[in-house]
PDB file of all heavy atoms in Angstrom:
ATOM      1  N   GLN A   1     179.065-112.209  40.545  1.00  0.00           N
ATOM      2  CA  GLN A   1     177.930-111.584  41.218  1.00  0.00           C
ATOM      3  C   GLN A   1     177.832-110.103  40.861  1.00  0.00           C
ATOM      4  O   GLN A   1     178.741-109.522  40.273  1.00  0.00           O
ATOM      5  CB  GLN A   1     178.063-111.748  42.738  1.00  0.00           C
ATOM      6  CG  GLN A   1     178.088-113.199  43.189  1.00  0.00           C
ATOM      7  CD  GLN A   1     178.040-113.335  44.690  1.00  0.00           C
ATOM      8  OE1 GLN A   1     176.974-113.304  45.293  1.00  0.00           O
ATOM      9  NE2 GLN A   1     179.203-113.490  45.308  1.00  0.00           N
ATOM     10  N   THR A   2     176.732-109.483  41.267  1.00  0.00           N
ATOM     11  CA  THR A   2     176.509-108.074  40.971  1.00  0.00           C
ATOM     12  C   THR A   2     177.515-107.203  41.717  1.00  0.00           C
ATOM     13  O   THR A   2     178.073-107.596  42.743  1.00  0.00           O
ATOM     14  CB  THR A   2     175.099-107.640  41.392  1.00  0.00           C
ATOM     15  OG1 THR A   2     174.979-107.768  42.820  1.00  0.00           O
ATOM     16  CG2 THR A   2     174.033-108.491  40.707  1.00  0.00           C
ATOM     17  N   CYS A   3     177.704-106.000  41.218  1.00  0.00           N
ATOM     18  CA  CYS A   3     178.614-105.066  41.879  1.00  0.00           C
ATOM     19  C   CYS A   3     178.101-104.695  43.265  1.00  0.00           C
ATOM     20  O   CYS A   3     178.907-104.418  44.171  1.00  0.00           O
ATOM     21  CB  CYS A   3     178.782-103.806  41.028  1.00  0.00           C
ATOM     22  SG  CYS A   3     179.968-103.991  39.685  1.00  0.00           S
ATOM     23  N   ALA A   4     176.799-104.675  43.444  1.00  0.00           N
ATOM     24  CA  ALA A   4     176.239-104.341  44.758  1.00  0.00           C
ATOM     25  C   ALA A   4     176.733-105.322  45.816  1.00  0.00           C
ATOM     26  O   ALA A   4     177.186-104.932  46.899  1.00  0.00           O
ATOM     27  CB  ALA A   4     174.713-104.338  44.698  1.00  0.00           C
ATOM     28  N   VAL A   5     176.659-106.604  45.509  1.00  0.00           N
ATOM     29  CA  VAL A   5     177.115-107.632  46.443  1.00  0.00           C
ATOM     30  C   VAL A   5     178.629-107.545  46.633  1.00  0.00           C
ATOM     31  O   VAL A   5     179.144-107.621  47.756  1.00  0.00           O
ATOM     32  CB  VAL A   5     176.708-109.038  45.954  1.00  0.00           C
ATOM     33  CG1 VAL A   5     177.329-110.123  46.826  1.00  0.00           C
ATOM     34  CG2 VAL A   5     175.195-109.176  45.948  1.00  0.00           C
ATOM     35  N   ASN A   6     179.344-107.384  45.534  1.00  0.00           N
ATOM     36  CA  ASN A   6     180.807-107.299  45.610  1.00  0.00           C
ATOM     37  C   ASN A   6     181.255-106.122  46.476  1.00  0.00           C
ATOM     38  O   ASN A   6     182.206-106.243  47.255  1.00  0.00           O
ATOM     39  CB  ASN A   6     181.403-107.149  44.202  1.00  0.00           C
ATOM     40  CG  ASN A   6     181.140-108.357  43.329  1.00  0.00           C
ATOM     41  OD1 ASN A   6     181.025-109.474  43.817  1.00  0.00           O
ATOM     42  ND2 ASN A   6     181.038-108.135  42.033  1.00  0.00           N
ATOM     43  N   LEU A   7     180.581-104.986  46.329  1.00  0.00           N
ATOM     44  CA  LEU A   7     180.968-103.795  47.082  1.00  0.00           C
ATOM     45  C   LEU A   7     180.741-103.986  48.579  1.00  0.00           C
ATOM     46  O   LEU A   7     181.539-103.521  49.402  1.00  0.00           O
ATOM     47  CB  LEU A   7     180.196-102.577  46.573  1.00  0.00           C
ATOM     48  CG  LEU A   7     180.652-101.222  47.117  1.00  0.00           C
ATOM     49  CD1 LEU A   7     182.110-100.949  46.760  1.00  0.00           C
ATOM     50  CD2 LEU A   7     179.761-100.105  46.576  1.00  0.00           C
ATOM     51  N   ILE A   8     179.673-104.681  48.932  1.00  0.00           N
ATOM     52  CA  ILE A   8     179.415-104.963  50.354  1.00  0.00           C
ATOM     53  C   ILE A   8     180.529-105.834  50.925  1.00  0.00           C
ATOM     54  O   ILE A   8     181.088-105.538  51.990  1.00  0.00           O
ATOM     55  CB  ILE A   8     178.043-105.646  50.522  1.00  0.00           C
ATOM     56  CG1 ILE A   8     176.915-104.662  50.206  1.00  0.00           C
ATOM     57  CG2 ILE A   8     177.888-106.187  51.952  1.00  0.00           C
ATOM     58  CD1 ILE A   8     175.539-105.299  50.137  1.00  0.00           C
ATOM     59  N   TYR A   9     180.875-106.904  50.215  1.00  0.00           N
ATOM     60  CA  TYR A   9     181.959-107.779  50.686  1.00  0.00           C
ATOM     61  C   TYR A   9     183.291-107.037  50.750  1.00  0.00           C
ATOM     62  O   TYR A   9     184.098-107.277  51.651  1.00  0.00           O
ATOM     63  CB  TYR A   9     182.080-109.005  49.784  1.00  0.00           C
ATOM     64  CG  TYR A   9     180.978-110.019  49.942  1.00  0.00           C
ATOM     65  CD1 TYR A   9     180.446-110.700  48.839  1.00  0.00           C
ATOM     66  CD2 TYR A   9     180.464-110.331  51.190  1.00  0.00           C
ATOM     67  CE1 TYR A   9     179.440-111.634  48.988  1.00  0.00           C
ATOM     68  CE2 TYR A   9     179.447-111.264  51.344  1.00  0.00           C
ATOM     69  CZ  TYR A   9     178.942-111.918  50.238  1.00  0.00           C
ATOM     70  OH  TYR A   9     177.950-112.853  50.391  1.00  0.00           O
ATOM     71  N   TYR A  10     183.509-106.142  49.796  1.00  0.00           N
ATOM     72  CA  TYR A  10     184.743-105.347  49.791  1.00  0.00           C
ATOM     73  C   TYR A  10     184.836-104.512  51.063  1.00  0.00           C
ATOM     74  O   TYR A  10     185.904-104.439  51.695  1.00  0.00           O
ATOM     75  CB  TYR A  10     184.776-104.444  48.552  1.00  0.00           C
ATOM     76  CG  TYR A  10     185.933-103.473  48.537  1.00  0.00           C
ATOM     77  CD1 TYR A  10     187.186-103.855  48.054  1.00  0.00           C
ATOM     78  CD2 TYR A  10     185.780-102.155  49.013  1.00  0.00           C
ATOM     79  CE1 TYR A  10     188.258-102.973  48.048  1.00  0.00           C
ATOM     80  CE2 TYR A  10     186.843-101.265  48.999  1.00  0.00           C
ATOM     81  CZ  TYR A  10     188.080-101.678  48.520  1.00  0.00           C
ATOM     82  OH  TYR A  10     189.135-100.800  48.527  1.00  0.00           O
ATOM     83  N   HIS A  11     183.738-103.889  51.447  1.00  0.00           N
ATOM     84  CA  HIS A  11     183.735-103.060  52.644  1.00  0.00           C
ATOM     85  C   HIS A  11     183.973-103.894  53.905  1.00  0.00           C
ATOM     86  O   HIS A  11     184.653-103.441  54.832  1.00  0.00           O
ATOM     87  CB  HIS A  11     182.419-102.282  52.748  1.00  0.00           C
ATOM     88  CG  HIS A  11     182.439-100.996  51.987  1.00  0.00           C
ATOM     89  ND1 HIS A  11     182.432-100.944  50.614  1.00  0.00           N
ATOM     90  CD2 HIS A  11     182.492 -99.700  52.412  1.00  0.00           C
ATOM     91  CE1 HIS A  11     182.466 -99.674  50.216  1.00  0.00           C
ATOM     92  NE2 HIS A  11     182.500 -98.903  51.286  1.00  0.00           N
ATOM     93  N   VAL A  12     183.437-105.098  53.931  1.00  0.00           N
ATOM     94  CA  VAL A  12     183.681-105.974  55.084  1.00  0.00           C
ATOM     95  C   VAL A  12     185.145-106.384  55.117  1.00  0.00           C
ATOM     96  O   VAL A  12     185.805-106.343  56.166  1.00  0.00           O
ATOM     97  CB  VAL A  12     182.771-107.217  55.035  1.00  0.00           C
ATOM     98  CG1 VAL A  12     183.135-108.191  56.156  1.00  0.00           C
ATOM     99  CG2 VAL A  12     181.307-106.810  55.151  1.00  0.00           C
ATOM    100  N   HIS A  13     185.678-106.789  53.956  1.00  0.00           N
ATOM    101  CA  HIS A  13     187.070-107.237  53.892  1.00  0.00           C
ATOM    102  C   HIS A  13     188.028-106.126  54.313  1.00  0.00           C
ATOM    103  O   HIS A  13     189.024-106.394  55.011  1.00  0.00           O
ATOM    104  CB  HIS A  13     187.405-107.690  52.468  1.00  0.00           C
ATOM    105  CG  HIS A  13     188.841-108.093  52.282  1.00  0.00           C
ATOM    106  ND1 HIS A  13     189.339-109.293  52.735  1.00  0.00           N
ATOM    107  CD2 HIS A  13     189.892-107.445  51.699  1.00  0.00           C
ATOM    108  CE1 HIS A  13     190.633-109.368  52.455  1.00  0.00           C
ATOM    109  NE2 HIS A  13     190.990-108.263  51.826  1.00  0.00           N
ATOM    110  N   ARG A  14     187.753-104.900  53.931  1.00  0.00           N
ATOM    111  CA  ARG A  14     188.630-103.772  54.248  1.00  0.00           C
ATOM    112  C   ARG A  14     188.392-103.224  55.660  1.00  0.00           C
ATOM    113  O   ARG A  14     189.072-102.294  56.080  1.00  0.00           O
ATOM    114  CB  ARG A  14     188.436-102.652  53.227  1.00  0.00           C
ATOM    115  CG  ARG A  14     188.835-103.018  51.812  1.00  0.00           C
ATOM    116  CD  ARG A  14     190.326-103.295  51.701  1.00  0.00           C
ATOM    117  NE  ARG A  14     190.712-103.560  50.316  1.00  0.00           N
ATOM    118  CZ  ARG A  14     191.908-103.969  49.947  1.00  0.00           C
ATOM    119  NH1 ARG A  14     192.831-104.174  50.862  1.00  0.00           N
ATOM    120  NH2 ARG A  14     192.185-104.216  48.681  1.00  0.00           N
ATOM    121  N   GLY A  15     187.439-103.794  56.370  1.00  0.00           N
ATOM    122  CA  GLY A  15     187.158-103.314  57.721  1.00  0.00           C
ATOM    123  C   GLY A  15     186.341-102.043  57.756  1.00  0.00           C
ATOM    124  O   GLY A  15     186.218-101.392  58.811  1.00  0.00           O
ATOM    125  N   LEU A  16     185.774-101.664  56.607  1.00  0.00           N
ATOM    126  CA  LEU A  16     184.951-100.460  56.535  1.00  0.00           C
ATOM    127  C   LEU A  16     183.536-100.717  57.033  1.00  0.00           C
ATOM    128  O   LEU A  16     182.808 -99.777  57.382  1.00  0.00           O
ATOM    129  CB  LEU A  16     184.911 -99.947  55.084  1.00  0.00           C
ATOM    130  CG  LEU A  16     186.282 -99.638  54.461  1.00  0.00           C
ATOM    131  CD1 LEU A  16     186.137 -99.311  52.982  1.00  0.00           C
ATOM    132  CD2 LEU A  16     186.951 -98.489  55.213  1.00  0.00           C
ATOM    133  N   LEU A  17     183.147-101.982  57.056  1.00  0.00           N
ATOM    134  CA  LEU A  17     181.859-102.401  57.612  1.00  0.00           C
ATOM    135  C   LEU A  17     182.146-103.468  58.661  1.00  0.00           C
ATOM    136  O   LEU A  17     182.636-104.548  58.333  1.00  0.00           O
ATOM    137  CB  LEU A  17     180.948-102.954  56.510  1.00  0.00           C
ATOM    138  CG  LEU A  17     179.569-103.460  56.948  1.00  0.00           C
ATOM    139  CD1 LEU A  17     178.748-102.327  57.556  1.00  0.00           C
ATOM    140  CD2 LEU A  17     178.811-104.080  55.757  1.00  0.00           C
ATOM    141  N   LYS A  18     181.904-103.138  59.925  1.00  0.00           N
ATOM    142  CA  LYS A  18     182.248-104.026  61.033  1.00  0.00           C
ATOM    143  C   LYS A  18     181.153-105.073  61.250  1.00  0.00           C
ATOM    144  O   LYS A  18     179.961-104.769  61.162  1.00  0.00           O
ATOM    145  CB  LYS A  18     182.450-103.224  62.316  1.00  0.00           C
ATOM    146  CG  LYS A  18     183.508-102.119  62.214  1.00  0.00           C
ATOM    147  CD  LYS A  18     184.903-102.693  62.008  1.00  0.00           C
ATOM    148  CE  LYS A  18     185.953-101.576  62.007  1.00  0.00           C
ATOM    149  NZ  LYS A  18     187.324-102.101  61.800  1.00  0.00           N
ATOM    150  N   LEU A  19     181.593-106.292  61.550  1.00  0.00           N
ATOM    151  CA  LEU A  19     180.665-107.386  61.846  1.00  0.00           C
ATOM    152  C   LEU A  19     180.880-107.887  63.265  1.00  0.00           C
ATOM    153  O   LEU A  19     181.999-107.859  63.774  1.00  0.00           O
ATOM    154  CB  LEU A  19     180.876-108.536  60.851  1.00  0.00           C
ATOM    155  CG  LEU A  19     180.662-108.226  59.367  1.00  0.00           C
ATOM    156  CD1 LEU A  19     180.871-109.489  58.540  1.00  0.00           C
ATOM    157  CD2 LEU A  19     179.275-107.654  59.126  1.00  0.00           C
ATOM    158  N   PRO A  20     179.829-108.404  63.920  1.00  0.00           N
ATOM    159  CA  PRO A  20     178.439-108.388  63.435  1.00  0.00           C
ATOM    160  C   PRO A  20     177.860-106.980  63.447  1.00  0.00           C
ATOM    161  O   PRO A  20     178.285-106.134  64.225  1.00  0.00           O
ATOM    162  CB  PRO A  20     177.717-109.297  64.428  1.00  0.00           C
ATOM    163  CG  PRO A  20     178.515-109.162  65.692  1.00  0.00           C
ATOM    164  CD  PRO A  20     179.942-109.017  65.256  1.00  0.00           C
ATOM    165  N   ILE A  21     176.913-106.761  62.554  1.00  0.00           N
ATOM    166  CA  ILE A  21     176.288-105.441  62.448  1.00  0.00           C
ATOM    167  C   ILE A  21     175.421-105.204  63.675  1.00  0.00           C
ATOM    168  O   ILE A  21     174.535-106.004  63.991  1.00  0.00           O
ATOM    169  CB  ILE A  21     175.455-105.351  61.157  1.00  0.00           C
ATOM    170  CG1 ILE A  21     176.397-105.410  59.941  1.00  0.00           C
ATOM    171  CG2 ILE A  21     174.638-104.057  61.130  1.00  0.00           C
ATOM    172  CD1 ILE A  21     175.686-105.494  58.610  1.00  0.00           C
ATOM    173  N   SER A  22     175.703-104.120  64.361  1.00  0.00           N
ATOM    174  CA  SER A  22     175.008-103.854  65.627  1.00  0.00           C
ATOM    175  C   SER A  22     173.955-102.764  65.523  1.00  0.00           C
ATOM    176  O   SER A  22     173.126-102.610  66.431  1.00  0.00           O
ATOM    177  CB  SER A  22     176.030-103.467  66.710  1.00  0.00           C
ATOM    178  OG  SER A  22     176.810-102.349  66.297  1.00  0.00           O
ATOM    179  N   SER A  23     174.011-101.992  64.427  1.00  0.00           N
ATOM    180  CA  SER A  23     173.018-100.928  64.280  1.00  0.00           C
ATOM    181  C   SER A  23     172.659-100.735  62.819  1.00  0.00           C
ATOM    182  O   SER A  23     173.470-100.972  61.917  1.00  0.00           O
ATOM    183  CB  SER A  23     173.553 -99.609  64.864  1.00  0.00           C
ATOM    184  OG  SER A  23     174.696 -99.161  64.142  1.00  0.00           O
ATOM    185  N   THR A  24     171.450-100.334  62.588  1.00  0.00           N
ATOM    186  CA  THR A  24     170.944-100.044  61.241  1.00  0.00           C
ATOM    187  C   THR A  24     170.286 -98.671  61.271  1.00  0.00           C
ATOM    188  O   THR A  24     169.931 -98.170  62.340  1.00  0.00           O
ATOM    189  CB  THR A  24     169.937-101.119  60.801  1.00  0.00           C
ATOM    190  OG1 THR A  24     168.871-101.182  61.755  1.00  0.00           O
ATOM    191  CG2 THR A  24     170.590-102.481  60.681  1.00  0.00           C
ATOM    192  N   PRO A  25     170.079 -98.040  60.109  1.00  0.00           N
ATOM    193  CA  PRO A  25     170.375 -98.534  58.763  1.00  0.00           C
ATOM    194  C   PRO A  25     171.875 -98.522  58.463  1.00  0.00           C
ATOM    195  O   PRO A  25     172.657 -97.939  59.197  1.00  0.00           O
ATOM    196  CB  PRO A  25     169.616 -97.567  57.864  1.00  0.00           C
ATOM    197  CG  PRO A  25     169.577 -96.295  58.657  1.00  0.00           C
ATOM    198  CD  PRO A  25     169.422 -96.716  60.091  1.00  0.00           C
TER     199      PRO A  25
END
């Protein structure tokens, strides 16, 4: 997959992006 998608998953895996997403942007 593209690096954009990979980087998003990387941030989730490392706990840098918390789920579920409660606020945007």
